[in-house]
Amino acid sequence: MFANQIFSVFSLSLALIDQSKIVTVLVVVVIFFAVLLLLGIRKSYKLKKENDKLDALNKKFEEEEKKEKPYRDFTEGHMYGDN
């Protein structure tokens, strides 16, 4: 008798959560994670664009350094005895 009462109370508590409430919670969770995914994709796109811009700038500086600076003998210091 007592087990039947516990089972009926347990099934009643499960019945208190309607299918529509479960669907509503799932929709909210899906929308939340979809927004996070879209923000992550946007951030990744912006970082890739910034990285490409910095790579181009770095290549430009490397080319300018090669053009402007002739070779300089680094052995003309005090450590090498000015040989």
Protein backbone atom coordinates (compact mmCIF):
# COMPACT_ATOMS: atom_id res chain seq x y z
CA MET A 1 0.00 0.00 0.00
CA PHE A 2 2.77 2.40 0.95
CA ALA A 3 4.73 1.59 -2.22
CA ASN A 4 1.67 2.40 -4.35
CA GLN A 5 1.35 5.80 -2.67
CA ILE A 6 5.02 6.59 -3.28
CA PHE A 7 4.71 5.53 -6.92
CA SER A 8 1.59 7.64 -7.43
CA VAL A 9 3.28 10.69 -5.81
CA PHE A 10 6.36 10.11 -7.98
CA SER A 11 4.30 9.84 -11.17
CA LEU A 12 2.34 12.93 -10.14
CA SER A 13 5.54 14.93 -9.73
CA LEU A 14 6.68 13.83 -13.18
CA ALA A 15 3.33 14.83 -14.63
CA LEU A 16 3.75 18.34 -13.21
CA ILE A 17 6.41 19.02 -15.84
CA ASP A 18 4.50 19.36 -19.08
CA GLN A 19 5.96 18.59 -22.44
CA SER A 20 5.50 22.22 -23.44
CA LYS A 21 7.69 23.35 -20.52
CA ILE A 22 10.43 20.93 -21.56
CA VAL A 23 10.24 22.15 -25.15
CA THR A 24 10.36 25.77 -23.99
CA VAL A 25 13.46 25.14 -21.88
CA LEU A 26 15.14 23.28 -24.74
CA VAL A 27 14.37 26.10 -27.18
CA VAL A 28 15.88 28.65 -24.80
CA VAL A 29 19.00 26.51 -24.36
CA VAL A 30 19.36 26.03 -28.14
CA ILE A 31 18.97 29.76 -28.77
CA PHE A 32 21.55 30.54 -26.07
CA PHE A 33 24.13 28.19 -27.55
CA ALA A 34 23.36 29.35 -31.09
CA VAL A 35 24.11 32.93 -30.05
CA LEU A 36 27.37 31.80 -28.44
CA LEU A 37 28.29 29.91 -31.61
CA LEU A 38 27.57 32.91 -33.82
CA LEU A 39 29.61 35.19 -31.56
CA GLY A 40 32.50 32.72 -31.68
CA ILE A 41 32.36 32.51 -35.47
CA ARG A 42 32.30 36.30 -35.72
CA LYS A 43 35.26 36.62 -33.34
CA SER A 44 37.20 33.99 -35.28
CA TYR A 45 36.54 35.83 -38.56
CA LYS A 46 37.69 39.14 -37.07
CA LEU A 47 40.85 37.56 -35.63
CA LYS A 48 41.69 35.92 -38.96
CA LYS A 49 41.21 39.23 -40.76
CA GLU A 50 43.46 41.01 -38.23
CA ASN A 51 46.07 38.25 -38.52
CA ASP A 52 46.14 38.57 -42.32
CA LYS A 53 46.57 42.33 -42.01
CA LEU A 54 49.45 41.93 -39.55
CA ASP A 55 51.13 39.32 -41.76
CA ALA A 56 51.01 41.70 -44.71
CA LEU A 57 52.41 44.49 -42.57
CA ASN A 58 55.18 42.22 -41.27
CA LYS A 59 56.18 41.21 -44.82
CA LYS A 60 56.25 44.88 -45.81
CA PHE A 61 58.58 45.73 -42.91
CA GLU A 62 60.86 42.78 -43.71
CA GLU A 63 61.18 43.90 -47.33
CA GLU A 64 61.96 47.47 -46.27
CA GLU A 65 64.64 46.28 -43.85
CA LYS A 66 66.34 44.25 -46.57
CA LYS A 67 66.38 47.25 -48.92
CA GLU A 68 67.52 49.89 -46.46
CA LYS A 69 70.17 48.16 -44.38
CA PRO A 70 73.36 47.03 -46.08
CA TYR A 71 75.44 44.34 -44.45
CA ARG A 72 77.47 45.58 -41.51
CA ASP A 73 80.41 43.68 -40.11
CA PHE A 74 79.46 42.78 -36.56
CA THR A 75 83.02 41.81 -35.58
CA GLU A 76 84.09 45.44 -35.21
CA GLY A 77 83.28 45.53 -31.51
CA HIS A 78 85.41 45.58 -28.41
CA MET A 79 84.80 41.89 -27.81
CA TYR A 80 86.63 40.88 -30.98
CA GLY A 81 89.67 43.09 -30.53
CA ASP A 82 88.92 45.25 -33.61
CA ASN A 83 90.56 42.75 -35.97
